[in-house]
Structure formats: C-alpha cells, structure tokens
C-alpha cells in the first residue's frame, strides 16, 4: 500500500493498493451449474453429462437447447420421440374401407380419468317366450280379420346407451275341422298365413298348420318394448256349406323368440 500527498487542499492524501490475480483466485470457487478454472480465473456453465440432457454451448458462446431436442419415450398407441423430426402422434393405420372415416368411423373419447375409450360394446340378448292356450272348439267367425286371441309379452332393452333392434319370431299352431265345402284361414297381425278349403264330400278333421312369422321393432332406453300378437280366423265367401260352420280345434298356441340386437 502506498500513501502520498501532504494532506493540504492543493496536495491531498492519496492511497493506492494493488494485489495479484493469483491472490484473489483463492477466494473464489464454483457452485451448482457453475464451473471455475482457478488457473485462468474463468467461470463457465456446468453442463450435465447425464443422458437426455440437450443443453449445449452455442457458437456464439451462449447456452442453447436445439428445437425439438427434448425427446420422450412413448408407449402403446403413440409414435415419435418428440424431436423436430419425429413429433409425438397417435399411432394409426390407413382407413381400409370405401366409406369415409369422417362419417363412418367410430368414436374414441377420453374418460374422467384421462383414459381413451371406444364406443360401448355390442350386446345381444335372447329371450324365449312360450304360452299355450287350450280352448273348446271355436266356430270360425264369418268375414275377414276377426281377432280371436291376443298374446302379449314385454322385453327390456339391455343397452343403457342406445336403442335396440328387436327381432321377434312368433309361431302359431292351429287346427281346423271343415265340413264338406267349408273353408277357413288364420293369420297374425292381419296377415293371413294359412288358408284351407274342403272341396270333398266328407268332413276334414284336424286340418293342421304350424306357421312362423318374424317381425322387428325398436326399443329405446329405458322404455320396455311390448310385443302384441293377434291371431285371426276368417271365413271365405260361400263357406261354410249347408249351414255347417267350420270350427277350430282345441289346440292353439303361440311361441316367440325375441332377440335384442344392437
């Protein structure tokens, strides 16, 4: 240290001091993210050597992370690593159908827990319903489409998401006793399915028919769908002959096998 001057207004005291760089460097050290070279007295950024680190020193001397250099590892349903040349996207296959994916493709949704979900699973429900009713012989009424009995059952749509298509197969078993010259017919839902005429000279007993009819309808959620089948018996004009009515025998049954399809 050097002191100069006399302390007067025109010659004030001056103090000057100096130290060497090597003496100061001993007071400095490196820290997290910072390197220090004690030999040169230079500080620099400490770049981690761990795998996956993309921080570098750019050509202009500044810190630099290249665009898209931060990569990731993807799992099922994803592709890419997140780099500029390989962005992360969903892994898909080409649409192989003639129809447009935009109008015919199914829905993929995200649930409350962040999991991707597809459309509800399809469901098929099969129910067998059989009811047999035995009657005393019934005179076949004159005219057309006379309802002689009604069968009703109810089916509940098992799908809580969408309407169901209900396909019902209904079977009817009918016998006719026909005097000579008599004729009769029966059907379901005003649809005649069986006609028989006795053109002989003696009675026909137990002219038998067992027919099946299939129909369809829709059942919305949660309303049950009711199937109601009406059996019809019909006289044709000019029958019966000689005032003797045709009769149906004491066997008449209906069975149905409805299938819920979605």
Protein backbone atom coordinates (compact mmCIF):
# COMPACT_ATOMS: atom_id res chain seq x y z
CA UNK A 1 0.00 0.00 0.00
CA UNK A 2 1.36 3.47 -0.86
CA UNK A 3 0.30 6.80 0.76
CA UNK A 4 1.16 10.07 -0.93
CA UNK A 5 0.43 13.79 -0.61
CA UNK A 6 0.67 16.20 2.30
CA UNK A 7 -2.99 16.46 3.12
CA UNK A 8 -3.28 20.08 2.02
CA UNK A 9 -6.08 21.29 -0.23
CA UNK A 10 -3.68 21.51 -3.07
CA UNK A 11 -1.94 18.21 -2.28
CA UNK A 12 -4.43 15.79 -0.69
CA UNK A 13 -3.50 12.37 0.54
CA UNK A 14 -3.66 9.57 -1.98
CA UNK A 15 -3.76 5.92 -1.16
CA UNK A 16 -3.11 3.25 -3.72
CA UNK A 17 -3.10 -0.50 -3.28
CA UNK A 18 -2.69 -3.46 -5.58
CA UNK A 19 -2.91 -7.23 -5.40
CA UNK A 20 -2.18 -10.02 -7.82
CA UNK A 21 -4.85 -12.12 -9.61
CA UNK A 22 -3.41 -15.28 -8.11
CA UNK A 23 -4.08 -13.91 -4.64
CA UNK A 24 -7.74 -13.21 -5.45
CA UNK A 25 -8.46 -16.57 -7.14
CA UNK A 26 -8.01 -18.37 -3.88
CA UNK A 27 -11.13 -16.60 -2.55
CA UNK A 28 -13.38 -17.83 -5.44
CA UNK A 29 -14.97 -21.22 -6.06
CA UNK A 30 -17.51 -22.99 -8.31
CA UNK A 31 -21.16 -23.87 -7.42
CA UNK A 32 -24.23 -25.68 -8.83
CA UNK A 33 -24.41 -25.07 -12.55
CA UNK A 34 -21.12 -23.11 -12.49
CA UNK A 35 -17.54 -24.20 -13.18
CA UNK A 36 -14.47 -22.18 -12.12
CA UNK A 37 -10.94 -22.55 -13.51
CA UNK A 38 -8.58 -21.45 -10.73
CA UNK A 39 -5.61 -21.42 -13.12
CA UNK A 40 -7.18 -18.94 -15.53
CA UNK A 41 -9.75 -17.34 -13.24
CA UNK A 42 -12.53 -18.09 -15.77
CA UNK A 43 -16.13 -19.03 -14.89
CA UNK A 44 -18.23 -21.22 -17.26
CA UNK A 45 -21.58 -23.05 -17.27
CA UNK A 46 -21.51 -26.55 -15.84
CA UNK A 47 -23.35 -28.78 -18.40
CA UNK A 48 -24.68 -32.06 -17.01
CA UNK A 49 -23.28 -35.23 -18.54
CA UNK A 50 -26.42 -37.26 -17.76
CA UNK A 51 -28.19 -38.98 -20.68
CA UNK A 52 -31.04 -36.97 -22.15
CA UNK A 53 -29.50 -33.54 -21.44
CA UNK A 54 -29.64 -31.38 -24.57
CA UNK A 55 -28.25 -28.10 -23.20
CA UNK A 56 -25.15 -27.01 -25.17
CA UNK A 57 -22.87 -24.02 -25.69
CA UNK A 58 -23.81 -22.39 -28.99
CA UNK A 59 -21.32 -21.00 -31.45
CA UNK A 60 -21.90 -17.50 -30.10
CA UNK A 61 -20.92 -18.65 -26.62
CA UNK A 62 -24.45 -18.66 -25.19
CA UNK A 63 -26.43 -21.52 -23.69
CA UNK A 64 -28.60 -23.27 -26.27
CA UNK A 65 -31.19 -26.10 -26.42
CA UNK A 66 -31.90 -27.16 -30.05
CA UNK A 67 -35.58 -27.08 -31.06
CA UNK A 68 -37.19 -30.49 -30.55
CA UNK A 69 -34.13 -31.87 -28.86
CA UNK A 70 -36.06 -32.80 -25.70
CA UNK A 71 -37.15 -36.36 -26.51
CA UNK A 72 -39.57 -38.70 -24.78
CA UNK A 73 -40.27 -42.42 -24.74
CA UNK A 74 -43.80 -43.33 -25.84
CA UNK A 75 -45.99 -46.31 -25.05
CA UNK A 76 -48.79 -48.20 -26.79
CA UNK A 77 -50.85 -46.18 -29.25
CA UNK A 78 -48.25 -43.41 -29.70
CA UNK A 79 -45.31 -42.95 -32.04
CA UNK A 80 -42.39 -40.48 -32.26
CA UNK A 81 -39.92 -39.19 -29.68
CA UNK A 82 -40.89 -35.52 -29.53
CA UNK A 83 -37.99 -34.24 -31.62
CA UNK A 84 -38.46 -31.87 -34.52
CA UNK A 85 -38.06 -34.73 -36.96
CA UNK A 86 -40.24 -37.16 -35.03
CA UNK A 87 -43.10 -35.42 -33.21
CA UNK A 88 -45.31 -37.46 -30.87
CA UNK A 89 -48.54 -38.52 -32.63
CA UNK A 90 -51.14 -41.25 -32.25
CA UNK A 91 -50.20 -44.49 -33.96
CA UNK A 92 -52.83 -45.26 -36.59
CA UNK A 93 -53.29 -47.43 -39.65
CA UNK A 94 -54.74 -46.38 -43.01
CA UNK A 95 -58.57 -46.45 -43.27
CA UNK A 96 -59.17 -49.60 -45.39
CA UNK A 97 -62.84 -49.07 -46.29
CA UNK A 98 -64.58 -47.45 -49.23
CA UNK A 99 -66.70 -45.25 -46.94
CA UNK A 100 -65.26 -42.08 -45.39
CA UNK A 101 -63.70 -42.35 -41.93
CA UNK A 102 -65.09 -38.90 -41.08
CA UNK A 103 -68.68 -40.10 -41.44
CA UNK A 104 -68.44 -43.84 -40.71
CA UNK A 105 -65.64 -44.12 -38.17
CA UNK A 106 -66.44 -44.95 -34.56
CA UNK A 107 -65.90 -42.56 -31.65
CA UNK A 108 -62.84 -42.50 -29.37
CA UNK A 109 -63.40 -40.47 -26.20
CA UNK A 110 -61.41 -39.54 -23.09
CA UNK A 111 -62.98 -40.52 -19.75
CA UNK A 112 -62.78 -38.59 -16.48
CA UNK A 113 -59.58 -40.42 -15.55
CA UNK A 114 -57.81 -39.49 -18.78
CA UNK A 115 -58.13 -42.95 -20.36
CA UNK A 116 -59.09 -43.31 -24.02
CA UNK A 117 -62.32 -45.25 -24.52
CA UNK A 118 -64.05 -46.64 -27.58
CA UNK A 119 -67.77 -47.00 -28.21
CA UNK A 120 -69.86 -49.24 -25.93
CA UNK A 121 -69.54 -52.96 -26.51
CA UNK A 122 -72.25 -54.54 -28.62
CA UNK A 123 -74.84 -56.66 -26.85
CA UNK A 124 -77.16 -59.46 -27.89
CA UNK A 125 -79.94 -60.69 -25.63
CA UNK A 126 -82.07 -63.74 -26.39
CA UNK A 127 -85.36 -64.49 -24.67
CA UNK A 128 -87.65 -67.44 -25.30
CA UNK A 129 -91.34 -66.98 -24.52
CA UNK A 130 -93.89 -69.74 -24.94
CA UNK A 131 -97.54 -69.71 -23.98
CA UNK A 132 -100.03 -72.41 -24.88
CA UNK A 133 -103.76 -71.90 -24.51
CA UNK A 134 -106.25 -74.72 -24.92
CA UNK A 135 -109.78 -73.91 -25.98
CA UNK A 136 -113.03 -75.66 -26.55
CA UNK A 137 -113.76 -75.93 -30.27
CA UNK A 138 -114.45 -72.44 -31.63
CA UNK A 139 -116.67 -71.67 -34.58
CA UNK A 140 -114.68 -69.80 -37.20
CA UNK A 141 -116.43 -66.41 -37.48
CA UNK A 142 -117.64 -65.04 -40.79
CA UNK A 143 -116.00 -62.11 -42.52
CA UNK A 144 -112.36 -61.14 -42.60
CA UNK A 145 -109.74 -60.47 -39.92
CA UNK A 146 -111.62 -61.41 -36.79
CA UNK A 147 -109.34 -61.27 -33.74
CA UNK A 148 -109.81 -64.40 -31.68
CA UNK A 149 -106.97 -64.02 -29.17
CA UNK A 150 -104.08 -61.77 -28.25
CA UNK A 151 -100.70 -62.69 -26.80
CA UNK A 152 -98.56 -60.03 -25.11
CA UNK A 153 -95.11 -60.04 -23.56
CA UNK A 154 -92.61 -57.33 -22.63
CA UNK A 155 -88.87 -57.10 -23.32
CA UNK A 156 -86.44 -54.63 -21.74
CA UNK A 157 -83.59 -53.15 -23.75
CA UNK A 158 -80.35 -54.35 -22.06
CA UNK A 159 -78.32 -51.48 -23.54
CA UNK A 160 -78.30 -48.31 -21.43
CA UNK A 161 -76.62 -46.32 -24.21
CA UNK A 162 -78.55 -46.88 -27.42
CA UNK A 163 -81.87 -48.09 -28.82
CA UNK A 164 -82.17 -51.78 -29.61
CA UNK A 165 -83.43 -53.61 -32.65
CA UNK A 166 -85.94 -56.23 -31.54
CA UNK A 167 -86.49 -59.22 -33.81
CA UNK A 168 -89.43 -61.41 -32.81
CA UNK A 169 -90.16 -64.87 -34.17
CA UNK A 170 -93.75 -65.92 -33.47
CA UNK A 171 -95.15 -69.35 -34.04
CA UNK A 172 -98.83 -70.33 -34.13
CA UNK A 173 -100.28 -73.85 -34.12
CA UNK A 174 -103.89 -74.12 -35.38
CA UNK A 175 -106.21 -76.94 -36.36
CA UNK A 176 -109.45 -76.66 -38.35
CA UNK A 177 -112.42 -79.04 -38.60
CA UNK A 178 -114.01 -78.45 -42.02
CA UNK A 179 -117.40 -79.80 -43.14
CA UNK A 180 -117.67 -80.55 -46.84
CA UNK A 181 -117.46 -77.31 -48.80
CA UNK A 182 -116.21 -75.24 -45.86
CA UNK A 183 -113.10 -73.08 -45.88
CA UNK A 184 -111.17 -71.18 -43.23
CA UNK A 185 -107.99 -69.18 -42.79
CA UNK A 186 -105.92 -67.75 -39.98
CA UNK A 187 -103.10 -65.25 -39.66
CA UNK A 188 -101.14 -62.95 -37.40
CA UNK A 189 -101.31 -59.15 -37.26
CA UNK A 190 -103.87 -59.02 -40.09
CA UNK A 191 -101.53 -61.05 -42.26
CA UNK A 192 -103.16 -64.25 -43.47
CA UNK A 193 -100.66 -67.09 -43.32
CA UNK A 194 -102.80 -70.20 -43.89
CA UNK A 195 -105.96 -70.98 -45.88
CA UNK A 196 -107.64 -74.34 -46.34
CA UNK A 197 -110.81 -75.39 -48.20
CA UNK A 198 -112.61 -78.71 -48.06
CA UNK A 199 -113.66 -79.44 -51.64
CA UNK A 200 -114.58 -83.02 -50.85
CA UNK A 201 -117.87 -84.59 -49.84
CA UNK A 202 -116.96 -85.53 -46.25
CA UNK A 203 -115.67 -83.57 -43.28
CA UNK A 204 -111.99 -82.90 -42.72
CA UNK A 205 -110.90 -83.14 -39.09
CA UNK A 206 -107.80 -81.51 -37.67
CA UNK A 207 -106.57 -79.72 -40.78
CA UNK A 208 -103.34 -78.68 -39.10
CA UNK A 209 -100.99 -75.78 -39.70
CA UNK A 210 -97.99 -74.57 -37.74
CA UNK A 211 -96.63 -71.28 -39.04
CA UNK A 212 -93.90 -68.87 -38.05
CA UNK A 213 -93.83 -65.11 -38.56
CA UNK A 214 -90.88 -62.79 -37.97
CA UNK A 215 -91.25 -59.08 -37.26
CA UNK A 216 -88.99 -56.35 -35.91
CA UNK A 217 -89.24 -53.15 -33.92
CA UNK A 218 -87.07 -50.78 -31.91
CA UNK A 219 -86.79 -50.39 -28.15
CA UNK A 220 -85.37 -47.18 -26.74
CA UNK A 221 -83.71 -46.86 -23.35
CA UNK A 222 -85.06 -47.36 -20.78
CA UNK A 223 -88.60 -48.00 -22.06
CA UNK A 224 -89.52 -51.70 -22.35
CA UNK A 225 -90.86 -52.89 -25.69
CA UNK A 226 -94.15 -54.76 -25.78
CA UNK A 227 -94.90 -57.41 -28.36
CA UNK A 228 -98.56 -57.95 -29.01
CA UNK A 229 -99.66 -60.68 -31.43
CA UNK A 230 -103.22 -61.17 -32.61
CA UNK A 231 -104.40 -64.42 -34.14
CA UNK A 232 -107.12 -64.13 -36.77
CA UNK A 233 -109.53 -66.66 -38.17
CA UNK A 234 -111.50 -65.98 -41.31
CA UNK A 235 -114.35 -67.44 -43.36
CA UNK A 236 -114.15 -67.07 -47.11
CA UNK A 237 -117.29 -66.18 -49.10
CA UNK A 238 -119.57 -69.10 -49.88
CA UNK A 239 -118.49 -71.04 -46.80
CA UNK A 240 -119.47 -72.96 -44.87
CA UNK A 241 -121.66 -75.14 -46.98
CA UNK A 242 -125.09 -76.49 -45.99
CA UNK A 243 -125.18 -74.22 -42.96
CA UNK A 244 -122.46 -76.21 -41.24
CA UNK A 245 -119.78 -73.90 -39.78
CA UNK A 246 -116.09 -74.70 -39.81
CA UNK A 247 -114.57 -74.97 -36.37
CA UNK A 248 -111.08 -74.72 -34.99
CA UNK A 249 -109.99 -77.45 -32.67
CA UNK A 250 -108.96 -77.18 -29.05
CA UNK A 251 -105.27 -76.69 -29.81
CA UNK A 252 -103.92 -73.21 -30.34
CA UNK A 253 -100.56 -71.98 -29.18
CA UNK A 254 -98.17 -69.15 -29.77
CA UNK A 255 -94.46 -69.01 -29.08
CA UNK A 256 -91.99 -66.23 -29.67
CA UNK A 257 -88.23 -65.96 -29.55
CA UNK A 258 -87.30 -62.30 -29.40
CA UNK A 259 -83.69 -61.29 -29.83
CA UNK A 260 -82.43 -57.87 -28.78
CA UNK A 261 -79.75 -56.73 -31.18
CA UNK A 262 -77.79 -53.54 -31.17
